[in-house]
């Protein structure tokens, strides 16, 4: 299926803006909740995503981000998980 290049050009600013919102929410949550229990990080990230207007992130992606943030204080930098 071919896609019109103009569709890509129109969509990319929207995608980039959404990714920036998600990144801000993750950065904020990591800064305030790194190493805390999964449930606390999950709640904080959900609130941060809501604040950014990016609450429609795939649940599995949210869970993976939470897992990484909650384990961030105990895992060495750059550890593969």
PDB file of N, CA and C in Angstrom:
ATOM      1  N   UNK A   1       0.851  -1.177   0.000  1.00  0.00           N
ATOM      2  CA  UNK A   1       0.000   0.000   0.000  1.00  0.00           C
ATOM      3  C   UNK A   1       0.895   1.238   0.000  1.00  0.00           C
ATOM      4  N   UNK A   2       0.733   2.075  -0.990  1.00  0.00           N
ATOM      5  CA  UNK A   2       1.514   3.301  -1.107  1.00  0.00           C
ATOM      6  C   UNK A   2       0.888   4.397  -0.255  1.00  0.00           C
ATOM      7  N   UNK A   3       1.756   5.204   0.323  1.00  0.00           N
ATOM      8  CA  UNK A   3       1.305   6.323   1.137  1.00  0.00           C
ATOM      9  C   UNK A   3       1.741   7.618   0.465  1.00  0.00           C
ATOM     10  N   UNK A   4       0.841   8.541   0.438  1.00  0.00           N
ATOM     11  CA  UNK A   4       1.127   9.857  -0.133  1.00  0.00           C
ATOM     12  C   UNK A   4       2.175  10.550   0.755  1.00  0.00           C
ATOM     13  N   UNK A   5       3.299  10.993   0.184  1.00  0.00           N
ATOM     14  CA  UNK A   5       4.335  11.663   0.990  1.00  0.00           C
ATOM     15  C   UNK A   5       3.810  12.870   1.761  1.00  0.00           C
ATOM     16  N   UNK A   6       2.793  13.531   1.265  1.00  0.00           N
ATOM     17  CA  UNK A   6       2.265  14.690   1.982  1.00  0.00           C
ATOM     18  C   UNK A   6       1.607  14.265   3.294  1.00  0.00           C
ATOM     19  N   UNK A   7       1.072  13.032   3.352  1.00  0.00           N
ATOM     20  CA  UNK A   7       0.494  12.539   4.603  1.00  0.00           C
ATOM     21  C   UNK A   7       1.578  12.409   5.668  1.00  0.00           C
ATOM     22  N   UNK A   8       2.728  11.921   5.261  1.00  0.00           N
ATOM     23  CA  UNK A   8       3.863  11.796   6.165  1.00  0.00           C
ATOM     24  C   UNK A   8       4.283  13.181   6.665  1.00  0.00           C
ATOM     25  N   UNK A   9       4.422  14.114   5.742  1.00  0.00           N
ATOM     26  CA  UNK A   9       4.838  15.467   6.106  1.00  0.00           C
ATOM     27  C   UNK A   9       3.847  16.134   7.058  1.00  0.00           C
ATOM     28  N   UNK A  10       2.567  15.837   6.890  1.00  0.00           N
ATOM     29  CA  UNK A  10       1.551  16.411   7.769  1.00  0.00           C
ATOM     30  C   UNK A  10       1.542  15.731   9.142  1.00  0.00           C
ATOM     31  N   UNK A  11       1.799  14.438   9.165  1.00  0.00           N
ATOM     32  CA  UNK A  11       1.726  13.680  10.414  1.00  0.00           C
ATOM     33  C   UNK A  11       2.948  13.865  11.303  1.00  0.00           C
ATOM     34  N   UNK A  12       4.104  14.053  10.733  1.00  0.00           N
ATOM     35  CA  UNK A  12       5.338  14.086  11.530  1.00  0.00           C
ATOM     36  C   UNK A  12       5.361  15.172  12.604  1.00  0.00           C
ATOM     37  N   UNK A  13       4.907  16.384  12.366  1.00  0.00           N
ATOM     38  CA  UNK A  13       4.889  17.365  13.456  1.00  0.00           C
ATOM     39  C   UNK A  13       3.979  16.933  14.611  1.00  0.00           C
ATOM     40  N   UNK A  14       2.889  16.261  14.294  1.00  0.00           N
ATOM     41  CA  UNK A  14       1.970  15.778  15.322  1.00  0.00           C
ATOM     42  C   UNK A  14       2.635  14.677  16.137  1.00  0.00           C
ATOM     43  N   UNK A  15       3.290  13.746  15.447  1.00  0.00           N
ATOM     44  CA  UNK A  15       3.992  12.654  16.122  1.00  0.00           C
ATOM     45  C   UNK A  15       5.120  13.211  16.981  1.00  0.00           C
ATOM     46  N   UNK A  16       5.881  14.141  16.447  1.00  0.00           N
ATOM     47  CA  UNK A  16       6.993  14.732  17.196  1.00  0.00           C
ATOM     48  C   UNK A  16       6.495  15.444  18.445  1.00  0.00           C
ATOM     49  N   UNK A  17       5.386  16.139  18.351  1.00  0.00           N
ATOM     50  CA  UNK A  17       4.829  16.834  19.516  1.00  0.00           C
ATOM     51  C   UNK A  17       4.379  15.837  20.584  1.00  0.00           C
ATOM     52  N   UNK A  18       3.753  14.745  20.163  1.00  0.00           N
ATOM     53  CA  UNK A  18       3.325  13.726  21.120  1.00  0.00           C
ATOM     54  C   UNK A  18       4.522  13.082  21.796  1.00  0.00           C
ATOM     55  N   UNK A  19       5.547  12.759  21.025  1.00  0.00           N
ATOM     56  CA  UNK A  19       6.749  12.163  21.610  1.00  0.00           C
ATOM     57  C   UNK A  19       7.424  13.108  22.598  1.00  0.00           C
ATOM     58  N   UNK A  20       7.422  14.390  22.321  1.00  0.00           N
ATOM     59  CA  UNK A  20       8.003  15.366  23.245  1.00  0.00           C
ATOM     60  C   UNK A  20       7.213  15.400  24.563  1.00  0.00           C
ATOM     61  N   UNK A  21       5.893  15.294  24.476  1.00  0.00           N
ATOM     62  CA  UNK A  21       5.063  15.264  25.690  1.00  0.00           C
ATOM     63  C   UNK A  21       5.367  14.024  26.522  1.00  0.00           C
ATOM     64  N   UNK A  22       5.486  12.887  25.847  1.00  0.00           N
ATOM     65  CA  UNK A  22       5.788  11.639  26.552  1.00  0.00           C
ATOM     66  C   UNK A  22       7.164  11.733  27.199  1.00  0.00           C
ATOM     67  N   UNK A  23       8.125  12.264  26.467  1.00  0.00           N
ATOM     68  CA  UNK A  23       9.486  12.393  26.994  1.00  0.00           C
ATOM     69  C   UNK A  23       9.518  13.294  28.231  1.00  0.00           C
ATOM     70  N   UNK A  24       8.795  14.412  28.198  1.00  0.00           N
ATOM     71  CA  UNK A  24       8.738  15.294  29.370  1.00  0.00           C
ATOM     72  C   UNK A  24       8.133  14.569  30.573  1.00  0.00           C
ATOM     73  N   UNK A  25       7.067  13.810  30.338  1.00  0.00           N
ATOM     74  CA  UNK A  25       6.417  13.076  31.428  1.00  0.00           C
ATOM     75  C   UNK A  25       7.359  12.025  32.015  1.00  0.00           C
ATOM     76  N   UNK A  26       8.057  11.305  31.153  1.00  0.00           N
ATOM     77  CA  UNK A  26       8.987  10.275  31.612  1.00  0.00           C
ATOM     78  C   UNK A  26      10.155  10.912  32.369  1.00  0.00           C
ATOM     79  N   UNK A  27      10.714  11.977  31.832  1.00  0.00           N
ATOM     80  CA  UNK A  27      11.832  12.647  32.497  1.00  0.00           C
ATOM     81  C   UNK A  27      11.427  13.148  33.873  1.00  0.00           C
ATOM     82  N   UNK A  28      10.263  13.751  33.963  1.00  0.00           N
ATOM     83  CA  UNK A  28       9.767  14.269  35.240  1.00  0.00           C
ATOM     84  C   UNK A  28       9.551  13.139  36.236  1.00  0.00           C
ATOM     85  N   UNK A  29       8.980  12.041  35.769  1.00  0.00           N
ATOM     86  CA  UNK A  29       8.728  10.910  36.653  1.00  0.00           C
ATOM     87  C   UNK A  29      10.040  10.270  37.094  1.00  0.00           C
ATOM     88  N   UNK A  30      10.968  10.130  36.179  1.00  0.00           N
ATOM     89  CA  UNK A  30      12.273   9.550  36.528  1.00  0.00           C
ATOM     90  C   UNK A  30      12.978  10.411  37.574  1.00  0.00           C
ATOM     91  N   UNK A  31      12.916  11.711  37.405  1.00  0.00           N
ATOM     92  CA  UNK A  31      13.589  12.608  38.341  1.00  0.00           C
ATOM     93  C   UNK A  31      12.996  12.539  39.748  1.00  0.00           C
ATOM     94  N   UNK A  32      11.705  12.311  39.836  1.00  0.00           N
ATOM     95  CA  UNK A  32      11.050  12.331  41.150  1.00  0.00           C
ATOM     96  C   UNK A  32      10.803  10.955  41.750  1.00  0.00           C
ATOM     97  N   UNK A  33      10.820   9.895  40.934  1.00  0.00           N
ATOM     98  CA  UNK A  33      10.421   8.580  41.447  1.00  0.00           C
ATOM     99  C   UNK A  33      11.379   7.435  41.116  1.00  0.00           C
ATOM    100  N   UNK A  34      12.568   7.724  40.625  1.00  0.00           N
ATOM    101  CA  UNK A  34      13.508   6.652  40.284  1.00  0.00           C
ATOM    102  C   UNK A  34      13.748   5.752  41.487  1.00  0.00           C
ATOM    103  N   UNK A  35      13.650   4.439  41.256  1.00  0.00           N
ATOM    104  CA  UNK A  35      13.923   3.473  42.299  1.00  0.00           C
ATOM    105  C   UNK A  35      12.773   3.187  43.246  1.00  0.00           C
ATOM    106  N   UNK A  36      11.667   3.890  43.089  1.00  0.00           N
ATOM    107  CA  UNK A  36      10.518   3.661  43.956  1.00  0.00           C
ATOM    108  C   UNK A  36       9.727   2.456  43.460  1.00  0.00           C
ATOM    109  N   UNK A  37       8.820   1.943  44.293  1.00  0.00           N
ATOM    110  CA  UNK A  37       8.032   0.762  43.902  1.00  0.00           C
ATOM    111  C   UNK A  37       7.214   1.004  42.627  1.00  0.00           C
ATOM    112  N   UNK A  38       6.985  -0.098  41.904  1.00  0.00           N
ATOM    113  CA  UNK A  38       6.273  -0.066  40.633  1.00  0.00           C
ATOM    114  C   UNK A  38       4.968   0.718  40.727  1.00  0.00           C
ATOM    115  N   UNK A  39       4.150   0.430  41.736  1.00  0.00           N
ATOM    116  CA  UNK A  39       2.831   1.073  41.845  1.00  0.00           C
ATOM    117  C   UNK A  39       2.952   2.590  41.983  1.00  0.00           C
ATOM    118  N   UNK A  40       3.916   3.043  42.779  1.00  0.00           N
ATOM    119  CA  UNK A  40       4.100   4.488  42.976  1.00  0.00           C
ATOM    120  C   UNK A  40       4.558   5.154  41.678  1.00  0.00           C
ATOM    121  N   UNK A  41       5.472   4.506  40.972  1.00  0.00           N
ATOM    122  CA  UNK A  41       5.968   5.053  39.709  1.00  0.00           C
ATOM    123  C   UNK A  41       4.854   5.052  38.669  1.00  0.00           C
ATOM    124  N   UNK A  42       4.071   3.986  38.650  1.00  0.00           N
ATOM    125  CA  UNK A  42       2.976   3.891  37.678  1.00  0.00           C
ATOM    126  C   UNK A  42       1.990   5.039  37.878  1.00  0.00           C
ATOM    127  N   UNK A  43       1.628   5.296  39.119  1.00  0.00           N
ATOM    128  CA  UNK A  43       0.692   6.387  39.426  1.00  0.00           C
ATOM    129  C   UNK A  43       1.291   7.735  39.014  1.00  0.00           C
ATOM    130  N   UNK A  44       2.560   7.942  39.355  1.00  0.00           N
ATOM    131  CA  UNK A  44       3.221   9.208  39.022  1.00  0.00           C
ATOM    132  C   UNK A  44       3.316   9.411  37.512  1.00  0.00           C
ATOM    133  N   UNK A  45       3.652   8.347  36.789  1.00  0.00           N
ATOM    134  CA  UNK A  45       3.766   8.472  35.336  1.00  0.00           C
ATOM    135  C   UNK A  45       2.400   8.714  34.704  1.00  0.00           C
ATOM    136  N   UNK A  46       1.387   8.028  35.199  1.00  0.00           N
ATOM    137  CA  UNK A  46       0.032   8.247  34.674  1.00  0.00           C
ATOM    138  C   UNK A  46      -0.387   9.702  34.864  1.00  0.00           C
ATOM    139  N   UNK A  47      -0.089  10.255  36.029  1.00  0.00           N
ATOM    140  CA  UNK A  47      -0.425  11.661  36.294  1.00  0.00           C
ATOM    141  C   UNK A  47       0.385  12.601  35.406  1.00  0.00           C
ATOM    142  N   UNK A  48       1.660  12.299  35.222  1.00  0.00           N
ATOM    143  CA  UNK A  48       2.508  13.146  34.378  1.00  0.00           C
ATOM    144  C   UNK A  48       2.046  13.106  32.927  1.00  0.00           C
ATOM    145  N   UNK A  49       1.693  11.924  32.448  1.00  0.00           N
ATOM    146  CA  UNK A  49       1.181  11.810  31.081  1.00  0.00           C
ATOM    147  C   UNK A  49      -0.131  12.579  30.940  1.00  0.00           C
ATOM    148  N   UNK A  50      -0.990  12.491  31.934  1.00  0.00           N
ATOM    149  CA  UNK A  50      -2.262  13.229  31.925  1.00  0.00           C
ATOM    150  C   UNK A  50      -1.984  14.732  31.880  1.00  0.00           C
ATOM    151  N   UNK A  51      -1.057  15.181  32.717  1.00  0.00           N
ATOM    152  CA  UNK A  51      -0.701  16.611  32.750  1.00  0.00           C
ATOM    153  C   UNK A  51      -0.192  17.098  31.395  1.00  0.00           C
ATOM    154  N   UNK A  52       0.525  16.238  30.700  1.00  0.00           N
ATOM    155  CA  UNK A  52       1.090  16.601  29.393  1.00  0.00           C
ATOM    156  C   UNK A  52       0.084  16.448  28.259  1.00  0.00           C
ATOM    157  N   UNK A  53      -1.061  15.822  28.539  1.00  0.00           N
ATOM    158  CA  UNK A  53      -2.031  15.576  27.481  1.00  0.00           C
ATOM    159  C   UNK A  53      -1.641  14.401  26.606  1.00  0.00           C
ATOM    160  N   UNK A  54      -0.900  13.465  27.180  1.00  0.00           N
ATOM    161  CA  UNK A  54      -0.413  12.304  26.430  1.00  0.00           C
ATOM    162  C   UNK A  54      -0.844  11.009  27.110  1.00  0.00           C
ATOM    163  N   UNK A  55      -2.032  10.990  27.644  1.00  0.00           N
ATOM    164  CA  UNK A  55      -2.490   9.845  28.422  1.00  0.00           C
ATOM    165  C   UNK A  55      -2.827   8.614  27.588  1.00  0.00           C
ATOM    166  N   UNK A  56      -2.882   8.733  26.268  1.00  0.00           N
ATOM    167  CA  UNK A  56      -3.269   7.608  25.411  1.00  0.00           C
ATOM    168  C   UNK A  56      -2.063   6.822  24.911  1.00  0.00           C
ATOM    169  N   UNK A  57      -1.126   6.538  25.814  1.00  0.00           N
ATOM    170  CA  UNK A  57       0.035   5.732  25.480  1.00  0.00           C
ATOM    171  C   UNK A  57      -0.353   4.267  25.678  1.00  0.00           C
ATOM    172  N   UNK A  58       0.129   3.398  24.811  1.00  0.00           N
ATOM    173  CA  UNK A  58      -0.164   1.964  24.891  1.00  0.00           C
ATOM    174  C   UNK A  58       0.213   1.458  26.291  1.00  0.00           C
ATOM    175  N   UNK A  59      -0.699   0.750  26.964  1.00  0.00           N
ATOM    176  CA  UNK A  59      -0.435   0.297  28.343  1.00  0.00           C
ATOM    177  C   UNK A  59       0.859  -0.501  28.505  1.00  0.00           C
ATOM    178  N   UNK A  60       1.211  -1.319  27.538  1.00  0.00           N
ATOM    179  CA  UNK A  60       2.446  -2.092  27.644  1.00  0.00           C
ATOM    180  C   UNK A  60       3.673  -1.188  27.613  1.00  0.00           C
ATOM    181  N   UNK A  61       3.582  -0.108  26.885  1.00  0.00           N
ATOM    182  CA  UNK A  61       4.687   0.863  26.837  1.00  0.00           C
ATOM    183  C   UNK A  61       4.810   1.558  28.188  1.00  0.00           C
ATOM    184  N   UNK A  62       3.682   1.945  28.759  1.00  0.00           N
ATOM    185  CA  UNK A  62       3.693   2.577  30.083  1.00  0.00           C
ATOM    186  C   UNK A  62       4.307   1.624  31.100  1.00  0.00           C
ATOM    187  N   UNK A  63       3.874   0.360  31.085  1.00  0.00           N
ATOM    188  CA  UNK A  63       4.405  -0.621  32.041  1.00  0.00           C
ATOM    189  C   UNK A  63       5.919  -0.788  31.894  1.00  0.00           C
ATOM    190  N   UNK A  64       6.417  -0.809  30.667  1.00  0.00           N
ATOM    191  CA  UNK A  64       7.858  -0.943  30.455  1.00  0.00           C
ATOM    192  C   UNK A  64       8.605   0.289  30.957  1.00  0.00           C
ATOM    193  N   UNK A  65       8.068   1.461  30.691  1.00  0.00           N
ATOM    194  CA  UNK A  65       8.693   2.687  31.195  1.00  0.00           C
ATOM    195  C   UNK A  65       8.708   2.685  32.717  1.00  0.00           C
ATOM    196  N   UNK A  66       7.605   2.280  33.326  1.00  0.00           N
ATOM    197  CA  UNK A  66       7.521   2.215  34.788  1.00  0.00           C
ATOM    198  C   UNK A  66       8.550   1.226  35.329  1.00  0.00           C
ATOM    199  N   UNK A  67       8.651   0.068  34.688  1.00  0.00           N
ATOM    200  CA  UNK A  67       9.623  -0.934  35.137  1.00  0.00           C
ATOM    201  C   UNK A  67      11.038  -0.360  35.099  1.00  0.00           C
ATOM    202  N   UNK A  68      11.360   0.349  34.029  1.00  0.00           N
ATOM    203  CA  UNK A  68      12.695   0.937  33.911  1.00  0.00           C
ATOM    204  C   UNK A  68      12.927   2.017  34.961  1.00  0.00           C
ATOM    205  N   UNK A  69      11.941   2.847  35.194  1.00  0.00           N
ATOM    206  CA  UNK A  69      12.086   3.929  36.173  1.00  0.00           C
ATOM    207  C   UNK A  69      12.173   3.369  37.588  1.00  0.00           C
ATOM    208  N   UNK A  70      11.343   2.394  37.907  1.00  0.00           N
ATOM    209  CA  UNK A  70      11.341   1.867  39.270  1.00  0.00           C
ATOM    210  C   UNK A  70      12.629   1.117  39.582  1.00  0.00           C
ATOM    211  N   UNK A  71      13.269   0.555  38.574  1.00  0.00           N
ATOM    212  CA  UNK A  71      14.528  -0.143  38.784  1.00  0.00           C
ATOM    213  C   UNK A  71      15.746   0.706  38.514  1.00  0.00           C
ATOM    214  N   UNK A  72      15.549   1.955  38.161  1.00  0.00           N
ATOM    215  CA  UNK A  72      16.652   2.824  37.740  1.00  0.00           C
ATOM    216  C   UNK A  72      17.707   3.017  38.819  1.00  0.00           C
ATOM    217  N   UNK A  73      17.305   3.053  40.080  1.00  0.00           N
ATOM    218  CA  UNK A  73      18.265   3.317  41.149  1.00  0.00           C
ATOM    219  C   UNK A  73      19.096   2.084  41.483  1.00  0.00           C
ATOM    220  N   UNK A  74      18.604   0.882  41.114  1.00  0.00           N
ATOM    221  CA  UNK A  74      19.306  -0.341  41.489  1.00  0.00           C
ATOM    222  C   UNK A  74      20.102  -0.946  40.343  1.00  0.00           C
ATOM    223  N   UNK A  75      19.827  -0.536  39.106  1.00  0.00           N
ATOM    224  CA  UNK A  75      20.534  -1.084  37.958  1.00  0.00           C
ATOM    225  C   UNK A  75      21.660  -0.141  37.543  1.00  0.00           C
ATOM    226  N   UNK A  76      22.813  -0.693  37.171  1.00  0.00           N
ATOM    227  CA  UNK A  76      23.886   0.175  36.681  1.00  0.00           C
ATOM    228  C   UNK A  76      23.486   0.879  35.400  1.00  0.00           C
ATOM    229  N   UNK A  77      24.012   2.050  35.178  1.00  0.00           N
ATOM    230  CA  UNK A  77      23.716   2.830  33.964  1.00  0.00           C
ATOM    231  C   UNK A  77      24.063   2.008  32.735  1.00  0.00           C
ATOM    232  N   UNK A  78      23.137   1.959  31.790  1.00  0.00           N
ATOM    233  CA  UNK A  78      23.379   1.281  30.541  1.00  0.00           C
ATOM    234  C   UNK A  78      23.196  -0.224  30.607  1.00  0.00           C
ATOM    235  N   UNK A  79      22.688  -0.734  31.719  1.00  0.00           N
ATOM    236  CA  UNK A  79      22.466  -2.182  31.836  1.00  0.00           C
ATOM    237  C   UNK A  79      21.360  -2.625  30.892  1.00  0.00           C
ATOM    238  N   UNK A  80      21.580  -3.692  30.215  1.00  0.00           N
ATOM    239  CA  UNK A  80      20.541  -4.226  29.311  1.00  0.00           C
ATOM    240  C   UNK A  80      19.548  -5.003  30.125  1.00  0.00           C
ATOM    241  N   UNK A  81      18.253  -4.819  29.801  1.00  0.00           N
ATOM    242  CA  UNK A  81      17.235  -5.486  30.604  1.00  0.00           C
ATOM    243  C   UNK A  81      16.468  -6.395  29.850  1.00  0.00           C
TER     244      UNK A  81
END
